[in-house]
């Protein structure tokens, strides 16, 4: 399969059902404590069903280490380690936003108001590693887990196949799908072009600190590296 073809969803939308180019440089996500959502990065309409997705558990590591980035930048010493680490995180977020792909394994929660037409739901973050749970809420707001025998994860297409679709009792966000997305748990699992794109972005920001306007286009080399990995509609 073409690395850019998955799940029937594309890119990073702005609002519901509208796509827009990713901000460059990207804003860092809010990282809160506890078990609540860390941030919301995708919101889209698929098959005329509104859905939002929240990051529940951020990746444990970055796909590029500080040592790798410093070697690429030819930096010695540790004075700028914090800046390099922040640039790596921002570059990874940019790559994920542009491609619609999680690089290192991370947990997400998809919220839907109602089931879409058909039996398959395309998940808005790929590649799919696993679906942990599907939950519906009754009119009183009580959760009801959908038996695992009634659905099947389809990692190859980043989709979930539903055998039964019990109606939620809530009019908004009455359905939740918890899933894990990413290429794997280690940096070696991430395709080399995506890791190289991160290094180029880090080098660009390091060389032009404070000189890049928000919304400016990223380097052409980054765009070329990411192009084959952008999610496209089937």
C-alpha atoms as a PDB file:
ATOM      1  CA  UNK A   1       0.000   0.000   0.000  1.00  0.00           C
ATOM      2  CA  UNK A   2       1.178   3.545  -0.741  1.00  0.00           C
ATOM      3  CA  UNK A   3       2.438   5.006   2.570  1.00  0.00           C
ATOM      4  CA  UNK A   4       0.133   7.944   2.030  1.00  0.00           C
ATOM      5  CA  UNK A   5      -3.086   5.919   1.789  1.00  0.00           C
ATOM      6  CA  UNK A   6      -4.959   5.066   4.995  1.00  0.00           C
ATOM      7  CA  UNK A   7      -8.343   5.108   6.599  1.00  0.00           C
ATOM      8  CA  UNK A   8     -10.099   7.418   4.161  1.00  0.00           C
ATOM      9  CA  UNK A   9      -9.107  10.606   6.001  1.00  0.00           C
ATOM     10  CA  UNK A  10      -6.708  13.363   5.078  1.00  0.00           C
ATOM     11  CA  UNK A  11      -4.293  15.762   6.741  1.00  0.00           C
ATOM     12  CA  UNK A  12      -5.112  18.019   9.674  1.00  0.00           C
ATOM     13  CA  UNK A  13      -8.444  19.800   9.456  1.00  0.00           C
ATOM     14  CA  UNK A  14      -9.392  23.199  10.741  1.00  0.00           C
ATOM     15  CA  UNK A  15     -12.845  23.231  12.331  1.00  0.00           C
ATOM     16  CA  UNK A  16     -15.263  20.609  11.048  1.00  0.00           C
ATOM     17  CA  UNK A  17     -14.790  19.265   7.545  1.00  0.00           C
ATOM     18  CA  UNK A  18     -12.238  21.943   6.432  1.00  0.00           C
ATOM     19  CA  UNK A  19      -8.541  21.296   5.927  1.00  0.00           C
ATOM     20  CA  UNK A  20      -5.792  23.875   6.344  1.00  0.00           C
ATOM     21  CA  UNK A  21      -1.972  23.850   6.168  1.00  0.00           C
ATOM     22  CA  UNK A  22      -0.198  23.127   9.409  1.00  0.00           C
ATOM     23  CA  UNK A  23       1.241  26.087  11.296  1.00  0.00           C
ATOM     24  CA  UNK A  24       5.030  26.471  10.981  1.00  0.00           C
ATOM     25  CA  UNK A  25       6.581  26.476  13.473  1.00  0.00           C
ATOM     26  CA  UNK A  26       3.860  24.501  15.287  1.00  0.00           C
ATOM     27  CA  UNK A  27       2.625  25.370  18.750  1.00  0.00           C
ATOM     28  CA  UNK A  28       3.593  22.933  21.488  1.00  0.00           C
ATOM     29  CA  UNK A  29       0.656  20.981  22.992  1.00  0.00           C
ATOM     30  CA  UNK A  30      -0.600  21.482  26.499  1.00  0.00           C
ATOM     31  CA  UNK A  31       0.662  18.714  28.771  1.00  0.00           C
ATOM     32  CA  UNK A  32      -1.610  18.389  31.758  1.00  0.00           C
ATOM     33  CA  UNK A  33      -1.463  15.905  34.557  1.00  0.00           C
ATOM     34  CA  UNK A  34      -3.871  13.162  35.470  1.00  0.00           C
ATOM     35  CA  UNK A  35      -5.825  10.993  33.098  1.00  0.00           C
ATOM     36  CA  UNK A  36      -7.620  13.778  31.168  1.00  0.00           C
ATOM     37  CA  UNK A  37      -6.906  14.685  27.564  1.00  0.00           C
ATOM     38  CA  UNK A  38      -3.489  16.253  26.922  1.00  0.00           C
ATOM     39  CA  UNK A  39      -4.674  18.088  23.817  1.00  0.00           C
ATOM     40  CA  UNK A  40      -7.011  18.074  20.864  1.00  0.00           C
ATOM     41  CA  UNK A  41      -5.392  18.194  17.452  1.00  0.00           C
ATOM     42  CA  UNK A  42      -7.962  16.799  15.041  1.00  0.00           C
ATOM     43  CA  UNK A  43     -11.585  17.653  14.476  1.00  0.00           C
ATOM     44  CA  UNK A  44     -13.370  16.541  11.346  1.00  0.00           C
ATOM     45  CA  UNK A  45     -16.550  15.352   9.745  1.00  0.00           C
ATOM     46  CA  UNK A  46     -16.409  11.888   8.189  1.00  0.00           C
ATOM     47  CA  UNK A  47     -19.487  10.438   6.509  1.00  0.00           C
ATOM     48  CA  UNK A  48     -21.412  13.474   7.846  1.00  0.00           C
ATOM     49  CA  UNK A  49     -20.731  12.458  11.452  1.00  0.00           C
ATOM     50  CA  UNK A  50     -18.930  14.973  13.663  1.00  0.00           C
ATOM     51  CA  UNK A  51     -15.993  13.548  15.553  1.00  0.00           C
ATOM     52  CA  UNK A  52     -13.239  14.948  17.736  1.00  0.00           C
ATOM     53  CA  UNK A  53     -10.122  13.191  18.962  1.00  0.00           C
ATOM     54  CA  UNK A  54      -8.078  13.913  22.086  1.00  0.00           C
ATOM     55  CA  UNK A  55      -4.560  12.828  22.962  1.00  0.00           C
ATOM     56  CA  UNK A  56      -4.785  10.854  26.209  1.00  0.00           C
ATOM     57  CA  UNK A  57      -1.205   9.629  26.635  1.00  0.00           C
ATOM     58  CA  UNK A  58       1.704  11.329  24.882  1.00  0.00           C
ATOM     59  CA  UNK A  59       4.582   9.265  23.443  1.00  0.00           C
ATOM     60  CA  UNK A  60       7.104   8.119  26.043  1.00  0.00           C
ATOM     61  CA  UNK A  61      10.084   9.122  23.891  1.00  0.00           C
ATOM     62  CA  UNK A  62      10.821  11.236  20.835  1.00  0.00           C
ATOM     63  CA  UNK A  63      11.732   9.634  17.485  1.00  0.00           C
ATOM     64  CA  UNK A  64      15.014  11.583  17.493  1.00  0.00           C
ATOM     65  CA  UNK A  65      17.224  11.815  20.580  1.00  0.00           C
ATOM     66  CA  UNK A  66      18.914  14.985  21.800  1.00  0.00           C
ATOM     67  CA  UNK A  67      22.274  13.332  21.094  1.00  0.00           C
ATOM     68  CA  UNK A  68      21.275  12.602  17.480  1.00  0.00           C
ATOM     69  CA  UNK A  69      20.056  16.145  16.958  1.00  0.00           C
ATOM     70  CA  UNK A  70      23.222  17.631  18.498  1.00  0.00           C
ATOM     71  CA  UNK A  71      25.363  15.489  16.203  1.00  0.00           C
ATOM     72  CA  UNK A  72      23.336  16.753  13.229  1.00  0.00           C
ATOM     73  CA  UNK A  73      23.805  20.334  14.448  1.00  0.00           C
ATOM     74  CA  UNK A  74      27.469  19.749  15.339  1.00  0.00           C
ATOM     75  CA  UNK A  75      26.870  21.004  18.853  1.00  0.00           C
ATOM     76  CA  UNK A  76      29.164  20.258  21.793  1.00  0.00           C
ATOM     77  CA  UNK A  77      28.383  20.696  25.461  1.00  0.00           C
ATOM     78  CA  UNK A  78      25.004  20.557  27.178  1.00  0.00           C
ATOM     79  CA  UNK A  79      24.116  24.250  27.447  1.00  0.00           C
ATOM     80  CA  UNK A  80      21.493  24.049  24.703  1.00  0.00           C
ATOM     81  CA  UNK A  81      20.113  20.577  25.458  1.00  0.00           C
ATOM     82  CA  UNK A  82      16.808  22.000  26.668  1.00  0.00           C
ATOM     83  CA  UNK A  83      16.331  24.078  23.526  1.00  0.00           C
ATOM     84  CA  UNK A  84      17.226  21.120  21.317  1.00  0.00           C
ATOM     85  CA  UNK A  85      14.773  18.847  23.162  1.00  0.00           C
ATOM     86  CA  UNK A  86      11.981  21.428  22.763  1.00  0.00           C
ATOM     87  CA  UNK A  87      12.766  21.786  19.050  1.00  0.00           C
ATOM     88  CA  UNK A  88      12.636  18.006  18.587  1.00  0.00           C
ATOM     89  CA  UNK A  89       9.198  17.841  20.246  1.00  0.00           C
ATOM     90  CA  UNK A  90       7.901  20.739  18.136  1.00  0.00           C
ATOM     91  CA  UNK A  91       9.298  19.175  14.944  1.00  0.00           C
ATOM     92  CA  UNK A  92       7.694  15.828  15.757  1.00  0.00           C
ATOM     93  CA  UNK A  93       4.340  17.535  16.326  1.00  0.00           C
ATOM     94  CA  UNK A  94       4.676  19.332  12.988  1.00  0.00           C
ATOM     95  CA  UNK A  95       5.419  16.056  11.172  1.00  0.00           C
ATOM     96  CA  UNK A  96       2.450  14.355  12.846  1.00  0.00           C
ATOM     97  CA  UNK A  97       0.138  17.263  12.058  1.00  0.00           C
ATOM     98  CA  UNK A  98       1.115  17.391   8.386  1.00  0.00           C
ATOM     99  CA  UNK A  99       0.922  13.632   7.798  1.00  0.00           C
ATOM    100  CA  UNK A 100      -1.912  12.670  10.162  1.00  0.00           C
ATOM    101  CA  UNK A 101       0.379   9.965  11.544  1.00  0.00           C
ATOM    102  CA  UNK A 102       1.563   9.303  15.078  1.00  0.00           C
ATOM    103  CA  UNK A 103       5.262   8.462  15.080  1.00  0.00           C
ATOM    104  CA  UNK A 104       5.830   6.877  18.502  1.00  0.00           C
ATOM    105  CA  UNK A 105       3.020   4.887  20.177  1.00  0.00           C
ATOM    106  CA  UNK A 106       0.495   7.190  21.854  1.00  0.00           C
ATOM    107  CA  UNK A 107      -3.056   6.800  23.168  1.00  0.00           C
ATOM    108  CA  UNK A 108      -6.022   8.663  21.699  1.00  0.00           C
ATOM    109  CA  UNK A 109      -9.770   8.896  22.381  1.00  0.00           C
ATOM    110  CA  UNK A 110     -12.207   9.466  19.530  1.00  0.00           C
ATOM    111  CA  UNK A 111     -15.566  11.080  20.423  1.00  0.00           C
ATOM    112  CA  UNK A 112     -18.599  10.716  18.155  1.00  0.00           C
ATOM    113  CA  UNK A 113     -22.154  12.000  18.458  1.00  0.00           C
ATOM    114  CA  UNK A 114     -23.561   9.027  16.545  1.00  0.00           C
ATOM    115  CA  UNK A 115     -22.440   6.069  14.454  1.00  0.00           C
ATOM    116  CA  UNK A 116     -21.550   6.811  10.818  1.00  0.00           C
ATOM    117  CA  UNK A 117     -23.251   5.095   7.917  1.00  0.00           C
ATOM    118  CA  UNK A 118     -21.814   1.660   7.212  1.00  0.00           C
ATOM    119  CA  UNK A 119     -20.036  -0.730   9.524  1.00  0.00           C
ATOM    120  CA  UNK A 120     -16.514   0.735   9.391  1.00  0.00           C
ATOM    121  CA  UNK A 121     -15.153   3.788  11.185  1.00  0.00           C
ATOM    122  CA  UNK A 122     -11.940   5.341   9.850  1.00  0.00           C
ATOM    123  CA  UNK A 123      -9.765   6.537  12.721  1.00  0.00           C
ATOM    124  CA  UNK A 124      -8.220   9.993  12.200  1.00  0.00           C
ATOM    125  CA  UNK A 125      -4.736   9.086  13.469  1.00  0.00           C
ATOM    126  CA  UNK A 126      -2.630   6.340  11.895  1.00  0.00           C
ATOM    127  CA  UNK A 127      -0.941   3.865  11.913  1.00  0.00           C
ATOM    128  CA  UNK A 128      -3.307   1.923  14.151  1.00  0.00           C
ATOM    129  CA  UNK A 129      -1.642  -0.327  16.729  1.00  0.00           C
ATOM    130  CA  UNK A 130      -4.680  -1.426  18.728  1.00  0.00           C
ATOM    131  CA  UNK A 131      -8.199  -0.485  19.826  1.00  0.00           C
ATOM    132  CA  UNK A 132      -8.503  -0.711  23.606  1.00  0.00           C
ATOM    133  CA  UNK A 133     -12.225  -0.091  24.114  1.00  0.00           C
ATOM    134  CA  UNK A 134     -15.444   1.210  22.596  1.00  0.00           C
ATOM    135  CA  UNK A 135     -17.863   2.864  25.012  1.00  0.00           C
ATOM    136  CA  UNK A 136     -21.370   4.282  24.661  1.00  0.00           C
ATOM    137  CA  UNK A 137     -23.114   6.517  27.195  1.00  0.00           C
ATOM    138  CA  UNK A 138     -26.772   6.263  28.158  1.00  0.00           C
ATOM    139  CA  UNK A 139     -29.109   9.212  28.774  1.00  0.00           C
ATOM    140  CA  UNK A 140     -27.939   9.421  32.381  1.00  0.00           C
ATOM    141  CA  UNK A 141     -24.318   9.714  31.270  1.00  0.00           C
ATOM    142  CA  UNK A 142     -23.380   6.220  32.452  1.00  0.00           C
ATOM    143  CA  UNK A 143     -20.763   4.375  30.358  1.00  0.00           C
ATOM    144  CA  UNK A 144     -21.404   0.993  28.751  1.00  0.00           C
ATOM    145  CA  UNK A 145     -18.474  -0.858  27.219  1.00  0.00           C
ATOM    146  CA  UNK A 146     -19.179  -2.552  23.896  1.00  0.00           C
ATOM    147  CA  UNK A 147     -18.313  -6.243  24.044  1.00  0.00           C
ATOM    148  CA  UNK A 148     -15.063  -6.912  22.176  1.00  0.00           C
ATOM    149  CA  UNK A 149     -16.813  -9.688  20.252  1.00  0.00           C
ATOM    150  CA  UNK A 150     -18.975  -7.032  18.575  1.00  0.00           C
ATOM    151  CA  UNK A 151     -16.140  -5.123  16.889  1.00  0.00           C
ATOM    152  CA  UNK A 152     -12.806  -5.775  15.217  1.00  0.00           C
ATOM    153  CA  UNK A 153      -9.782  -3.509  14.755  1.00  0.00           C
ATOM    154  CA  UNK A 154      -8.382  -3.317  11.220  1.00  0.00           C
ATOM    155  CA  UNK A 155      -4.829  -1.935  11.590  1.00  0.00           C
ATOM    156  CA  UNK A 156      -4.049  -2.131   7.869  1.00  0.00           C
ATOM    157  CA  UNK A 157      -6.677   0.515   7.154  1.00  0.00           C
ATOM    158  CA  UNK A 158      -6.709   2.267  10.563  1.00  0.00           C
ATOM    159  CA  UNK A 159     -10.368   1.338  10.924  1.00  0.00           C
ATOM    160  CA  UNK A 160     -12.802  -0.390  13.254  1.00  0.00           C
ATOM    161  CA  UNK A 161     -15.367  -2.860  11.917  1.00  0.00           C
ATOM    162  CA  UNK A 162     -18.612  -2.842  13.935  1.00  0.00           C
ATOM    163  CA  UNK A 163     -20.821  -5.922  14.096  1.00  0.00           C
ATOM    164  CA  UNK A 164     -23.398  -4.165  16.263  1.00  0.00           C
ATOM    165  CA  UNK A 165     -24.015  -0.468  16.886  1.00  0.00           C
ATOM    166  CA  UNK A 166     -26.009   0.209  20.060  1.00  0.00           C
ATOM    167  CA  UNK A 167     -27.489   3.703  19.988  1.00  0.00           C
ATOM    168  CA  UNK A 168     -26.014   6.135  22.526  1.00  0.00           C
ATOM    169  CA  UNK A 169     -28.344   7.921  24.918  1.00  0.00           C
ATOM    170  CA  UNK A 170     -26.476  11.234  24.788  1.00  0.00           C
ATOM    171  CA  UNK A 171     -26.945  13.625  21.890  1.00  0.00           C
ATOM    172  CA  UNK A 172     -23.310  14.775  21.974  1.00  0.00           C
ATOM    173  CA  UNK A 173     -20.149  12.729  22.469  1.00  0.00           C
ATOM    174  CA  UNK A 174     -22.167   9.646  23.342  1.00  0.00           C
ATOM    175  CA  UNK A 175     -19.609   7.307  21.781  1.00  0.00           C
ATOM    176  CA  UNK A 176     -15.918   6.921  22.625  1.00  0.00           C
ATOM    177  CA  UNK A 177     -13.256   4.799  20.938  1.00  0.00           C
ATOM    178  CA  UNK A 178      -9.940   4.433  22.765  1.00  0.00           C
ATOM    179  CA  UNK A 179      -7.038   3.442  20.534  1.00  0.00           C
ATOM    180  CA  UNK A 180      -3.252   3.434  20.275  1.00  0.00           C
ATOM    181  CA  UNK A 181      -1.557   4.799  17.182  1.00  0.00           C
ATOM    182  CA  UNK A 182       2.066   4.959  16.068  1.00  0.00           C
ATOM    183  CA  UNK A 183       4.751   3.050  14.238  1.00  0.00           C
ATOM    184  CA  UNK A 184       5.962   1.429  17.447  1.00  0.00           C
ATOM    185  CA  UNK A 185       7.503   2.160  20.833  1.00  0.00           C
ATOM    186  CA  UNK A 186      11.083   2.838  19.705  1.00  0.00           C
ATOM    187  CA  UNK A 187      12.724   5.392  17.424  1.00  0.00           C
ATOM    188  CA  UNK A 188      13.898   2.593  15.137  1.00  0.00           C
ATOM    189  CA  UNK A 189      10.244   1.803  14.334  1.00  0.00           C
ATOM    190  CA  UNK A 190       9.759   5.221  12.703  1.00  0.00           C
ATOM    191  CA  UNK A 191      10.476   5.452   8.947  1.00  0.00           C
ATOM    192  CA  UNK A 192      13.811   7.122   8.223  1.00  0.00           C
ATOM    193  CA  UNK A 193      12.318   9.916   6.035  1.00  0.00           C
ATOM    194  CA  UNK A 194      10.126  11.107   8.909  1.00  0.00           C
ATOM    195  CA  UNK A 195      13.061  11.133  11.320  1.00  0.00           C
ATOM    196  CA  UNK A 196      15.146  13.010   8.761  1.00  0.00           C
ATOM    197  CA  UNK A 197      12.397  15.606   8.392  1.00  0.00           C
ATOM    198  CA  UNK A 198      12.556  16.207  12.147  1.00  0.00           C
ATOM    199  CA  UNK A 199      16.332  16.736  11.988  1.00  0.00           C
ATOM    200  CA  UNK A 200      15.980  19.238   9.135  1.00  0.00           C
ATOM    201  CA  UNK A 201      13.323  21.193  11.022  1.00  0.00           C
ATOM    202  CA  UNK A 202      15.454  21.274  14.174  1.00  0.00           C
ATOM    203  CA  UNK A 203      18.432  22.527  12.148  1.00  0.00           C
ATOM    204  CA  UNK A 204      16.271  25.178  10.469  1.00  0.00           C
ATOM    205  CA  UNK A 205      14.945  26.507  13.761  1.00  0.00           C
ATOM    206  CA  UNK A 206      18.382  26.403  15.392  1.00  0.00           C
ATOM    207  CA  UNK A 207      19.959  28.381  12.554  1.00  0.00           C
ATOM    208  CA  UNK A 208      17.159  30.965  12.429  1.00  0.00           C
ATOM    209  CA  UNK A 209      16.052  31.297  16.021  1.00  0.00           C
ATOM    210  CA  UNK A 210      13.464  34.030  16.286  1.00  0.00           C
ATOM    211  CA  UNK A 211      13.617  34.756  12.557  1.00  0.00           C
ATOM    212  CA  UNK A 212      10.850  32.435  11.300  1.00  0.00           C
ATOM    213  CA  UNK A 213       7.414  33.987  11.135  1.00  0.00           C
ATOM    214  CA  UNK A 214       4.461  31.834  12.325  1.00  0.00           C
ATOM    215  CA  UNK A 215       2.655  30.411   9.321  1.00  0.00           C
ATOM    216  CA  UNK A 216       5.778  30.422   7.136  1.00  0.00           C
ATOM    217  CA  UNK A 217       6.270  27.447   4.842  1.00  0.00           C
ATOM    218  CA  UNK A 218       8.673  24.738   6.089  1.00  0.00           C
ATOM    219  CA  UNK A 219      11.806  23.889   4.076  1.00  0.00           C
ATOM    220  CA  UNK A 220      11.140  22.267   0.689  1.00  0.00           C
ATOM    221  CA  UNK A 221      13.188  19.226   1.714  1.00  0.00           C
ATOM    222  CA  UNK A 222      10.810  18.605   4.605  1.00  0.00           C
ATOM    223  CA  UNK A 223       7.778  18.848   2.343  1.00  0.00           C
ATOM    224  CA  UNK A 224       9.360  16.338  -0.065  1.00  0.00           C
ATOM    225  CA  UNK A 225      10.130  13.893   2.740  1.00  0.00           C
ATOM    226  CA  UNK A 226       6.619  14.096   4.181  1.00  0.00           C
ATOM    227  CA  UNK A 227       4.654  14.040   0.923  1.00  0.00           C
ATOM    228  CA  UNK A 228       4.540  10.210   0.530  1.00  0.00           C
ATOM    229  CA  UNK A 229       3.267   9.860   4.114  1.00  0.00           C
ATOM    230  CA  UNK A 230       0.349  12.289   4.012  1.00  0.00           C
ATOM    231  CA  UNK A 231      -2.973  10.536   4.517  1.00  0.00           C
ATOM    232  CA  UNK A 232      -5.168  10.703   1.424  1.00  0.00           C
ATOM    233  CA  UNK A 233      -8.783   9.809   0.722  1.00  0.00           C
ATOM    234  CA  UNK A 234      -9.194   6.357  -0.792  1.00  0.00           C
END
